[in-house]
Amino acid sequence: MRYRLRNFAVFMSLNLLAGCTLGPDYEPPHMDIPNLNADEKIAEFTSARWWSVFKDSTLNKLEEQALKHNSDLEQAAANIEIAEAASGMAFADLWPSIGGSVEGKETFMSAKGRMYFPGLMKRDMWDYLGAISISYELDFWGKYRNANRAAGASLLSAKAGQETLLLTITSEVAKTYFMIRALDAKLAIARRTLKARQEACDVYRNRFKNGYCTELDCLRIDSEMSSVKMTVLDLELALGKAETALGVLIGASPREMIGQKKLKDKGIEKLRIPCSIPKGIPSDILARRPDILQAEGQLMAANAKIGEARAAYFPSISLTGAFGSEAVSLRDLFSGGSDTWNLGGRISLPILIGGKTCAGEDAAEANYRKAEAIYRKTVQTAFKETLDALASNRKNREIVASGTRRVNALKKSYSLAKKQKEFGLIGLLDLLDVERGLLTAEMELVGALQNRLNAVVNLCKALGGGWHVSVPKLRRKYR
């Protein structure tokens, strides 16, 4: 028995040391990655909490609440737990299965049966058995090792997916918050204009009654007032939708969403925009983007699945063994001479299964090509988003400057036009044209300020949230 046990242990050890794998070695796809600017310093983006660059306490609170209560993030956390369980199950397949059992049974034999010998045995018999069983499938072809690698890569991909979702949600929180600020500013401008139009409408109605102006002038000023009132109503509707959207992002209850106060502690023009926006970035920073890490994790898992599929062509070799005691009396179960054991092995090989194994390998290879295409597209998208964000930051700065000059010029023009109207130098239509142009310019300037803030958000997102983001490390550099 000792000889057989020794052979059994040696056979298992040789399997662990000399087993081979049939899958291809993983190599990241070769891509021609441009170096955007290797010497650029990104001092502003040194924190995973990238939104802190805006120095806004309200935004910080909203982001913290979203991190704690957003439902999508809770689902992502559950997905990680599922992936961890799957990885643990795959790892367990690499080791022998050991079980224990204690059995007792009573058998009453038929007096007419062929196994019954009268006078030599009792019809009523008891049998007790206590044993430890071991079963192990030799992983010569790397089926379980590749499955374990695939599960580990899927776990890393799930963790990176959570970081991708976190970055998306925090970006949407910031953009929605800036939208609310912009809508508040536009609504204030529209209401101010509406108040001026209402006052002017009252004046012209009195003048018409007293015969100092025509009915046409009254109708024109009333039309302009109605137009601005429609703008106010549209902005109020958009603001309500933006606030409820923010409530969903931060995980607020419906009551909190309905009772939410408008965030008007300061105008959008007073929000801080980082003064040090990078002109370029080194290529390596994009390796920190969680969506790229997520895509590479899926690619690694698909590569390991090829080896798992190829192992199905080869025989499955299993070893089994049981060691224990057996007796017809419970008190004799562990006495001398009651020991029992068995060792066995099994080899199984699929011979004809209708091309199922070949189809499985083809599916695994096709899935790898799909994952590789997704990975390449993800890297390309990362560079596009980064280049677009860098360009947007440059251009939006110029747009805001031009819009500010335009608004200042129109404010002076409106002030002069009102004086000229009072002295009769220009007509009502001329004044309304200047006023309409000022309203449009102020609205567009608020939109430009919002776009500039969103451009900073997009840049932070394109950089993967900053230099120090807690994401799984799959590899250091592109090849």
Protein backbone atom coordinates (compact mmCIF):
# COMPACT_ATOMS: atom_id res chain seq x y z
CA MET A 1 0.00 0.00 0.00
CA ARG A 2 2.82 2.40 0.84
CA TYR A 3 4.37 1.70 -2.55
CA ARG A 4 1.14 2.53 -4.32
CA LEU A 5 0.61 5.69 -2.26
CA ARG A 6 4.13 6.81 -3.11
CA ASN A 7 3.54 6.27 -6.82
CA PHE A 8 0.27 8.18 -6.58
CA ALA A 9 1.99 11.20 -4.96
CA VAL A 10 4.87 11.11 -7.44
CA PHE A 11 2.49 10.99 -10.39
CA MET A 12 0.59 14.05 -9.14
CA SER A 13 3.82 15.97 -8.51
CA LEU A 14 5.10 15.25 -12.02
CA ASN A 15 1.83 16.54 -13.41
CA LEU A 16 2.16 19.82 -11.54
CA LEU A 17 5.80 20.31 -12.52
CA ALA A 18 5.81 19.09 -16.11
CA GLY A 19 2.33 19.95 -17.35
CA CYS A 20 2.14 21.89 -20.60
CA THR A 21 -0.33 24.43 -21.88
CA LEU A 22 -1.63 24.51 -25.43
CA GLY A 23 -2.74 28.12 -25.59
CA PRO A 24 -0.73 30.94 -27.23
CA ASP A 25 1.41 33.15 -25.00
CA TYR A 26 -0.26 36.50 -24.41
CA GLU A 27 1.29 39.46 -26.21
CA PRO A 28 -0.41 42.88 -26.27
CA PRO A 29 -1.20 44.00 -29.83
CA HIS A 30 1.46 46.15 -31.47
CA MET A 31 0.11 49.63 -32.13
CA ASP A 32 1.68 52.75 -33.58
CA ILE A 33 1.11 55.06 -30.59
CA PRO A 34 2.17 58.70 -31.06
CA ASN A 35 3.96 60.48 -28.26
CA LEU A 36 1.82 63.56 -27.76
CA ASN A 37 4.33 65.42 -25.61
CA ALA A 38 6.73 63.49 -23.42
CA ASP A 39 7.96 66.58 -21.55
CA GLU A 40 4.56 67.97 -20.55
CA LYS A 41 3.96 68.49 -16.83
CA ILE A 42 0.44 68.05 -15.57
CA ALA A 43 0.61 69.64 -12.14
CA GLU A 44 -3.15 70.16 -11.86
CA PHE A 45 -4.03 66.49 -12.23
CA THR A 46 -2.28 64.87 -9.29
CA SER A 47 -5.33 63.46 -7.51
CA ALA A 48 -7.76 60.67 -8.31
CA ARG A 49 -10.49 63.07 -7.14
CA TRP A 50 -9.97 65.09 -10.28
CA TRP A 51 -12.99 67.36 -9.68
CA SER A 52 -11.12 69.08 -6.86
CA VAL A 53 -9.32 71.19 -9.50
CA PHE A 54 -12.46 73.36 -9.68
CA LYS A 55 -12.21 74.28 -5.97
CA ASP A 56 -15.99 74.14 -5.59
CA SER A 57 -17.36 72.85 -2.28
CA THR A 58 -20.83 72.12 -3.71
CA LEU A 59 -19.40 70.02 -6.52
CA ASN A 60 -17.20 68.14 -4.04
CA LYS A 61 -20.25 67.24 -1.93
CA LEU A 62 -22.23 66.09 -4.95
CA GLU A 63 -19.37 63.88 -6.12
CA GLU A 64 -18.97 62.33 -2.68
CA GLN A 65 -22.69 61.55 -2.52
CA ALA A 66 -22.57 59.98 -5.99
CA LEU A 67 -19.67 57.76 -4.95
CA LYS A 68 -21.65 56.51 -1.97
CA HIS A 69 -25.17 56.14 -3.36
CA ASN A 70 -25.13 55.79 -7.14
CA SER A 71 -27.01 52.62 -8.12
CA ASP A 72 -24.83 51.85 -11.14
CA LEU A 73 -21.72 51.82 -8.96
CA GLU A 74 -23.44 49.40 -6.58
CA GLN A 75 -24.11 47.08 -9.53
CA ALA A 76 -20.46 47.32 -10.60
CA ALA A 77 -19.36 46.37 -7.08
CA ALA A 78 -21.62 43.31 -7.24
CA ASN A 79 -20.10 42.36 -10.62
CA ILE A 80 -16.64 42.40 -9.02
CA GLU A 81 -17.84 40.05 -6.29
CA ILE A 82 -19.24 37.71 -8.95
CA ALA A 83 -15.92 37.79 -10.84
CA GLU A 84 -14.00 37.13 -7.61
CA ALA A 85 -16.18 34.09 -6.91
CA ALA A 86 -15.66 32.79 -10.46
CA SER A 87 -11.91 33.27 -10.10
CA GLY A 88 -11.94 31.34 -6.82
CA MET A 89 -13.87 28.48 -8.41
CA ALA A 90 -11.43 28.31 -11.33
CA PHE A 91 -8.47 28.25 -8.95
CA ALA A 92 -10.06 25.44 -6.92
CA ASP A 93 -10.13 23.21 -10.04
CA LEU A 94 -6.30 23.15 -9.99
CA TRP A 95 -6.26 21.11 -6.77
CA PRO A 96 -7.45 17.67 -5.74
CA SER A 97 -10.96 17.25 -4.36
CA ILE A 98 -10.96 15.62 -0.93
CA GLY A 99 -14.12 14.43 0.77
CA GLY A 100 -15.07 12.40 3.79
CA SER A 101 -18.03 10.15 4.41
CA VAL A 102 -19.43 7.92 7.14
CA GLU A 103 -22.03 5.38 6.08
CA GLY A 104 -24.13 2.83 7.91
CA LYS A 105 -26.74 0.61 6.25
CA GLU A 106 -28.89 -2.39 7.04
CA THR A 107 -29.62 -4.97 4.33
CA PHE A 108 -32.39 -7.58 4.54
CA MET A 109 -31.76 -10.19 1.86
CA SER A 110 -34.42 -12.13 0.02
CA ALA A 111 -34.57 -15.81 0.93
CA LYS A 112 -35.17 -16.59 -2.74
CA GLY A 113 -32.25 -14.52 -4.01
CA ARG A 114 -29.09 -15.97 -5.50
CA MET A 115 -26.83 -14.16 -3.00
CA TYR A 116 -28.48 -15.81 0.03
CA PHE A 117 -27.04 -19.07 1.45
CA PRO A 118 -29.22 -20.52 4.25
CA GLY A 119 -27.28 -21.51 7.34
CA LEU A 120 -24.16 -19.65 6.23
CA MET A 121 -25.34 -16.05 6.56
CA LYS A 122 -28.06 -13.98 8.10
CA ARG A 123 -30.75 -12.39 6.04
CA ASP A 124 -30.50 -9.22 8.16
CA MET A 125 -27.00 -7.65 7.94
CA TRP A 126 -25.42 -4.34 8.95
CA ASP A 127 -22.42 -2.68 7.34
CA TYR A 128 -20.50 0.45 8.46
CA LEU A 129 -17.99 2.41 6.38
CA GLY A 130 -15.88 5.49 7.13
CA ALA A 131 -13.64 6.78 4.32
CA ILE A 132 -11.74 9.72 2.90
CA SER A 133 -11.88 9.99 -0.89
CA ILE A 134 -9.55 11.89 -3.21
CA SER A 135 -10.13 12.69 -6.87
CA TYR A 136 -7.91 14.70 -9.18
CA GLU A 137 -7.84 15.37 -12.89
CA LEU A 138 -4.29 15.72 -14.21
CA ASP A 139 -3.94 19.05 -15.99
CA PHE A 140 -1.42 17.87 -18.60
CA TRP A 141 -2.83 20.11 -21.31
CA GLY A 142 -3.38 23.25 -19.25
CA LYS A 143 -7.18 23.26 -19.40
CA TYR A 144 -7.65 24.32 -15.80
CA ARG A 145 -4.58 26.58 -15.73
CA ASN A 146 -5.88 28.49 -18.73
CA ALA A 147 -9.34 28.66 -17.17
CA ASN A 148 -7.76 30.07 -14.02
CA ARG A 149 -5.84 32.68 -16.06
CA ALA A 150 -9.01 33.63 -17.92
CA ALA A 151 -10.93 34.05 -14.68
CA GLY A 152 -8.14 36.16 -13.18
CA ALA A 153 -8.05 38.41 -16.25
CA SER A 154 -11.84 38.73 -16.16
CA LEU A 155 -11.59 39.81 -12.53
CA LEU A 156 -9.06 42.52 -13.39
CA SER A 157 -11.31 43.60 -16.25
CA ALA A 158 -14.30 43.83 -13.88
CA LYS A 159 -12.31 46.00 -11.47
CA ALA A 160 -11.20 48.26 -14.29
CA GLY A 161 -14.81 48.37 -15.50
CA GLN A 162 -15.86 49.67 -12.12
CA GLU A 163 -13.24 52.42 -12.41
CA THR A 164 -14.47 53.22 -15.92
CA LEU A 165 -18.02 53.55 -14.66
CA LEU A 166 -16.88 55.63 -11.70
CA LEU A 167 -15.06 58.02 -14.02
CA THR A 168 -18.10 58.27 -16.29
CA ILE A 169 -20.50 58.96 -13.44
CA THR A 170 -18.32 61.57 -11.74
CA SER A 171 -17.88 63.29 -15.11
CA GLU A 172 -21.64 63.33 -15.66
CA VAL A 173 -22.19 64.73 -12.16
CA ALA A 174 -19.79 67.60 -12.90
CA LYS A 175 -21.32 68.31 -16.32
CA THR A 176 -24.87 68.22 -14.96
CA TYR A 177 -23.86 70.53 -12.12
CA PHE A 178 -22.32 72.98 -14.60
CA MET A 179 -25.47 72.71 -16.73
CA ILE A 180 -27.59 73.71 -13.73
CA ARG A 181 -25.28 76.65 -13.09
CA ALA A 182 -25.50 77.69 -16.75
CA LEU A 183 -29.30 77.37 -16.82
CA ASP A 184 -29.51 79.43 -13.63
CA ALA A 185 -27.41 82.14 -15.25
CA LYS A 186 -29.43 82.09 -18.48
CA LEU A 187 -32.68 82.16 -16.51
CA ALA A 188 -31.49 85.19 -14.55
CA ILE A 189 -30.65 86.99 -17.81
CA ALA A 190 -33.98 86.06 -19.40
CA ARG A 191 -35.98 87.12 -16.34
CA ARG A 192 -34.14 90.42 -16.16
CA THR A 193 -34.88 91.03 -19.84
CA LEU A 194 -38.51 89.97 -19.36
CA LYS A 195 -38.92 92.44 -16.51
CA ALA A 196 -37.55 95.25 -18.69
CA ARG A 197 -39.87 94.26 -21.56
CA GLN A 198 -42.88 94.17 -19.24
CA GLU A 199 -42.08 97.66 -17.96
CA ALA A 200 -41.61 98.91 -21.50
CA CYS A 201 -44.89 97.24 -22.55
CA ASP A 202 -46.77 99.03 -19.74
CA VAL A 203 -45.25 102.35 -20.78
CA TYR A 204 -46.21 101.93 -24.42
CA ARG A 205 -49.74 100.89 -23.56
CA ASN A 206 -50.21 104.10 -21.56
CA ARG A 207 -48.72 106.10 -24.42
CA PHE A 208 -51.08 104.45 -26.88
CA LYS A 209 -54.08 105.26 -24.70
CA ASN A 210 -52.98 108.89 -24.55
CA GLY A 211 -52.24 108.99 -28.28
CA TYR A 212 -48.45 109.35 -28.05
CA CYS A 213 -47.60 106.19 -30.03
CA THR A 214 -49.16 103.90 -32.55
CA GLU A 215 -50.80 100.54 -31.94
CA LEU A 216 -48.06 98.97 -34.07
CA ASP A 217 -45.44 100.00 -31.47
CA CYS A 218 -47.51 98.36 -28.71
CA LEU A 219 -47.90 95.15 -30.67
CA ARG A 220 -44.17 94.98 -31.42
CA ILE A 221 -43.11 95.44 -27.79
CA ASP A 222 -45.78 92.94 -26.66
CA SER A 223 -44.46 90.40 -29.18
CA GLU A 224 -40.92 90.83 -27.89
CA MET A 225 -42.14 90.37 -24.31
CA SER A 226 -43.96 87.14 -25.23
CA SER A 227 -40.84 85.83 -26.98
CA VAL A 228 -38.70 86.38 -23.89
CA LYS A 229 -41.41 84.82 -21.69
CA MET A 230 -41.29 81.65 -23.83
CA THR A 231 -37.52 81.58 -23.34
CA VAL A 232 -38.00 81.84 -19.56
CA LEU A 233 -40.48 78.95 -19.55
CA ASP A 234 -38.18 76.76 -21.68
CA LEU A 235 -35.27 77.45 -19.35
CA GLU A 236 -37.35 76.66 -16.26
CA LEU A 237 -38.36 73.32 -17.81
CA ALA A 238 -34.75 72.47 -18.75
CA LEU A 239 -33.57 73.42 -15.27
CA GLY A 240 -36.12 71.12 -13.62
CA LYS A 241 -35.01 68.19 -15.81
CA ALA A 242 -31.33 68.87 -15.07
CA GLU A 243 -31.97 68.88 -11.32
CA THR A 244 -33.84 65.55 -11.41
CA ALA A 245 -31.06 64.08 -13.59
CA LEU A 246 -28.53 65.17 -10.98
CA GLY A 247 -30.68 63.57 -8.29
CA VAL A 248 -30.48 60.21 -10.10
CA LEU A 249 -26.70 60.49 -10.49
CA ILE A 250 -26.08 61.19 -6.82
CA GLY A 251 -28.54 58.52 -5.68
CA ALA A 252 -31.02 60.91 -4.08
CA SER A 253 -34.49 59.70 -3.12
CA PRO A 254 -37.51 61.01 -5.09
CA ARG A 255 -38.49 63.24 -2.16
CA GLU A 256 -35.00 64.74 -2.09
CA MET A 257 -35.13 65.21 -5.84
CA ILE A 258 -38.48 67.03 -5.67
CA GLY A 259 -37.44 69.18 -2.73
CA GLN A 260 -34.01 69.93 -4.12
CA LYS A 261 -32.98 73.57 -3.84
CA LYS A 262 -31.51 75.34 -6.79
CA LEU A 263 -27.75 75.64 -6.61
CA LYS A 264 -27.26 79.38 -6.94
CA ASP A 265 -24.64 80.24 -4.36
CA LYS A 266 -22.49 81.82 -7.09
CA GLY A 267 -22.67 82.48 -10.82
CA ILE A 268 -21.13 80.23 -13.43
CA GLU A 269 -18.65 82.95 -14.34
CA LYS A 270 -17.15 82.68 -10.83
CA LEU A 271 -16.41 78.95 -11.02
CA ARG A 272 -12.69 78.30 -11.02
CA ILE A 273 -11.14 77.07 -14.25
CA PRO A 274 -7.65 75.57 -13.79
CA CYS A 275 -5.11 78.05 -15.07
CA SER A 276 -2.55 75.38 -15.95
CA ILE A 277 -4.18 73.32 -18.70
CA PRO A 278 -1.64 70.99 -20.36
CA LYS A 279 -0.88 71.47 -24.03
CA GLY A 280 0.05 67.81 -24.47
CA ILE A 281 0.54 64.62 -22.51
CA PRO A 282 2.90 61.64 -22.62
CA SER A 283 1.52 58.50 -24.24
CA ASP A 284 2.11 56.40 -21.13
CA ILE A 285 -0.57 58.25 -19.18
CA LEU A 286 -3.25 56.67 -21.35
CA ALA A 287 -2.17 53.28 -20.04
CA ARG A 288 -3.79 54.43 -16.80
CA ARG A 289 -7.19 54.82 -18.42
CA PRO A 290 -9.48 52.21 -16.86
CA ASP A 291 -11.35 51.56 -20.11
CA ILE A 292 -8.06 50.52 -21.77
CA LEU A 293 -7.23 48.28 -18.82
CA GLN A 294 -10.73 46.82 -18.99
CA ALA A 295 -10.37 46.05 -22.71
CA GLU A 296 -6.94 44.48 -22.18
CA GLY A 297 -8.28 42.30 -19.36
CA GLN A 298 -10.94 40.98 -21.73
CA LEU A 299 -8.25 40.38 -24.36
CA MET A 300 -6.10 38.40 -21.90
CA ALA A 301 -9.10 36.31 -20.86
CA ALA A 302 -9.95 35.57 -24.51
CA ASN A 303 -6.34 34.51 -25.14
CA ALA A 304 -6.44 32.05 -22.23
CA LYS A 305 -9.78 30.67 -23.43
CA ILE A 306 -8.06 29.53 -26.65
CA GLY A 307 -5.78 27.22 -24.66
CA GLU A 308 -8.74 25.96 -22.68
CA ALA A 309 -10.59 25.13 -25.91
CA ARG A 310 -7.57 23.36 -27.46
CA ALA A 311 -7.19 21.12 -24.41
CA ALA A 312 -10.52 19.51 -25.29
CA TYR A 313 -8.78 17.64 -28.16
CA PHE A 314 -6.69 15.59 -25.71
CA PRO A 315 -7.55 12.86 -23.23
CA SER A 316 -8.79 13.66 -19.78
CA ILE A 317 -6.85 11.71 -17.15
CA SER A 318 -8.39 11.37 -13.68
CA LEU A 319 -7.05 9.69 -10.55
CA THR A 320 -9.23 8.54 -7.67
CA GLY A 321 -8.52 7.02 -4.30
CA ALA A 322 -10.32 6.15 -1.08
CA PHE A 323 -8.93 5.26 2.34
CA GLY A 324 -10.99 4.18 5.36
CA SER A 325 -12.42 1.41 7.53
CA GLU A 326 -15.32 -1.02 7.09
CA ALA A 327 -16.96 -3.41 9.55
CA VAL A 328 -20.28 -5.14 10.15
CA SER A 329 -20.30 -3.83 13.72
CA LEU A 330 -19.99 -0.19 14.67
CA ARG A 331 -17.59 -0.98 17.55
CA ASP A 332 -15.25 -2.79 15.16
CA LEU A 333 -15.18 0.06 12.59
CA PHE A 334 -11.72 1.32 13.61
CA SER A 335 -10.27 -1.92 15.01
CA GLY A 336 -7.36 -3.83 13.49
CA GLY A 337 -8.01 -5.42 10.14
CA SER A 338 -10.92 -3.10 9.25
CA ASP A 339 -8.85 -0.84 6.97
CA THR A 340 -9.78 -0.60 3.32
CA TRP A 341 -8.51 1.38 0.36
CA ASN A 342 -8.67 1.63 -3.37
CA LEU A 343 -6.79 3.46 -6.10
CA GLY A 344 -7.95 3.95 -9.64
CA GLY A 345 -7.52 5.97 -12.78
CA ARG A 346 -9.57 6.84 -15.82
CA ILE A 347 -8.72 8.09 -19.26
CA SER A 348 -11.49 9.56 -21.40
CA LEU A 349 -11.11 10.81 -24.94
CA PRO A 350 -13.83 12.24 -27.17
CA ILE A 351 -13.92 10.31 -30.45
CA LEU A 352 -16.92 11.54 -32.37
CA ILE A 353 -18.87 14.56 -31.13
CA GLY A 354 -19.86 16.12 -34.43
CA GLY A 355 -17.10 18.71 -34.65
CA LYS A 356 -17.99 20.30 -31.31
CA THR A 357 -14.35 20.59 -30.22
CA CYS A 358 -13.30 22.25 -33.48
CA ALA A 359 -16.23 24.63 -33.24
CA GLY A 360 -15.24 25.47 -29.67
CA GLU A 361 -11.70 26.35 -30.76
CA ASP A 362 -12.99 28.43 -33.67
CA ALA A 363 -15.33 30.30 -31.33
CA ALA A 364 -12.48 30.98 -28.87
CA GLU A 365 -10.21 32.31 -31.62
CA ALA A 366 -13.02 34.47 -33.05
CA ASN A 367 -13.73 35.82 -29.59
CA TYR A 368 -10.05 36.73 -29.26
CA ARG A 369 -10.11 38.61 -32.58
CA LYS A 370 -13.20 40.45 -31.40
CA ALA A 371 -11.54 41.38 -28.09
CA GLU A 372 -8.44 42.53 -29.97
CA ALA A 373 -10.54 44.76 -32.22
CA ILE A 374 -12.28 46.22 -29.16
CA TYR A 375 -8.91 46.85 -27.52
CA ARG A 376 -7.52 48.63 -30.60
CA LYS A 377 -10.67 50.74 -30.91
CA THR A 378 -10.49 51.64 -27.21
CA VAL A 379 -6.89 52.85 -27.54
CA GLN A 380 -7.72 54.83 -30.68
CA THR A 381 -10.74 56.38 -28.96
CA ALA A 382 -8.58 57.31 -25.97
CA PHE A 383 -6.17 59.26 -28.15
CA LYS A 384 -9.02 60.91 -30.06
CA GLU A 385 -10.73 62.00 -26.84
CA THR A 386 -7.46 63.35 -25.47
CA LEU A 387 -6.60 65.32 -28.60
CA ASP A 388 -10.18 66.66 -28.81
CA ALA A 389 -10.11 67.69 -25.14
CA LEU A 390 -6.78 69.47 -25.53
CA ALA A 391 -8.05 71.34 -28.60
CA SER A 392 -11.35 72.19 -26.90
CA ASN A 393 -9.56 73.70 -23.93
CA ARG A 394 -7.50 75.95 -26.19
CA LYS A 395 -10.37 77.03 -28.44
CA ASN A 396 -12.95 77.49 -25.69
CA ARG A 397 -10.61 79.84 -23.86
CA GLU A 398 -10.50 82.01 -26.99
CA ILE A 399 -14.27 81.73 -27.50
CA VAL A 400 -14.96 82.92 -23.94
CA ALA A 401 -12.61 85.87 -24.40
CA SER A 402 -14.30 86.87 -27.67
CA GLY A 403 -17.77 86.42 -26.17
CA THR A 404 -16.86 88.60 -23.19
CA ARG A 405 -15.69 91.41 -25.48
CA ARG A 406 -18.89 91.08 -27.51
CA VAL A 407 -21.14 91.31 -24.45
CA ASN A 408 -19.27 94.34 -23.09
CA ALA A 409 -19.60 96.10 -26.45
CA LEU A 410 -23.31 95.33 -26.71
CA LYS A 411 -23.94 96.57 -23.15
CA LYS A 412 -22.42 99.91 -24.11
CA SER A 413 -24.44 99.91 -27.35
CA TYR A 414 -27.65 99.20 -25.45
CA SER A 415 -26.97 101.99 -23.00
CA LEU A 416 -26.35 104.45 -25.88
CA ALA A 417 -29.39 103.18 -27.79
CA LYS A 418 -31.70 103.84 -24.82
CA LYS A 419 -30.46 107.42 -24.58
CA GLN A 420 -30.86 107.94 -28.33
CA LYS A 421 -34.39 106.52 -28.14
CA GLU A 422 -35.26 108.95 -25.36
CA PHE A 423 -34.12 111.86 -27.53
CA GLY A 424 -35.91 110.51 -30.56
CA LEU A 425 -32.77 109.84 -32.56
CA ILE A 426 -33.68 106.21 -33.22
CA GLY A 427 -36.92 104.28 -33.36
CA LEU A 428 -38.34 101.46 -31.24
CA LEU A 429 -37.22 98.77 -33.70
CA ASP A 430 -33.61 99.91 -33.47
CA LEU A 431 -33.68 99.68 -29.68
CA LEU A 432 -35.30 96.25 -29.78
CA ASP A 433 -32.65 95.01 -32.20
CA VAL A 434 -29.86 96.08 -29.85
CA GLU A 435 -31.65 94.58 -26.84
CA ARG A 436 -32.26 91.32 -28.70
CA GLY A 437 -28.62 91.15 -29.72
CA LEU A 438 -27.49 91.71 -26.12
CA LEU A 439 -29.77 88.92 -24.85
CA THR A 440 -28.41 86.51 -27.46
CA ALA A 441 -24.79 87.47 -26.72
CA GLU A 442 -25.22 87.00 -22.96
CA MET A 443 -26.85 83.61 -23.47
CA GLU A 444 -24.06 82.51 -25.81
CA LEU A 445 -21.40 83.68 -23.36
CA VAL A 446 -22.94 81.55 -20.61
CA GLY A 447 -22.94 78.62 -23.02
CA ALA A 448 -19.27 79.26 -23.83
CA LEU A 449 -18.42 79.29 -20.11
CA GLN A 450 -20.24 75.97 -19.69
CA ASN A 451 -18.40 74.51 -22.69
CA ARG A 452 -15.07 75.59 -21.24
CA LEU A 453 -15.84 73.92 -17.93
CA ASN A 454 -17.00 70.77 -19.75
CA ALA A 455 -13.78 70.78 -21.77
CA VAL A 456 -11.79 70.57 -18.53
CA VAL A 457 -14.01 67.70 -17.39
CA ASN A 458 -13.44 65.91 -20.71
CA LEU A 459 -9.70 66.36 -20.36
CA CYS A 460 -9.72 64.93 -16.85
CA LYS A 461 -11.76 61.99 -18.13
CA ALA A 462 -9.43 61.52 -21.12
CA LEU A 463 -6.48 61.34 -18.72
CA GLY A 464 -8.18 58.53 -16.83
CA GLY A 465 -9.03 60.74 -13.86
CA GLY A 466 -5.49 61.91 -13.09
CA TRP A 467 -2.02 60.59 -12.45
CA HIS A 468 -2.85 58.52 -9.39
CA VAL A 469 -5.91 56.39 -10.09
CA SER A 470 -6.44 53.12 -8.19
CA VAL A 471 -6.80 50.67 -11.08
CA PRO A 472 -5.47 47.12 -11.64
CA LYS A 473 -1.98 46.99 -13.13
CA LEU A 474 -2.03 44.79 -16.21
CA ARG A 475 1.14 46.15 -17.77
CA ARG A 476 3.27 49.26 -17.75
CA LYS A 477 3.69 50.35 -21.35
CA TYR A 478 2.31 49.86 -24.81
CA ARG A 479 4.26 47.80 -27.26
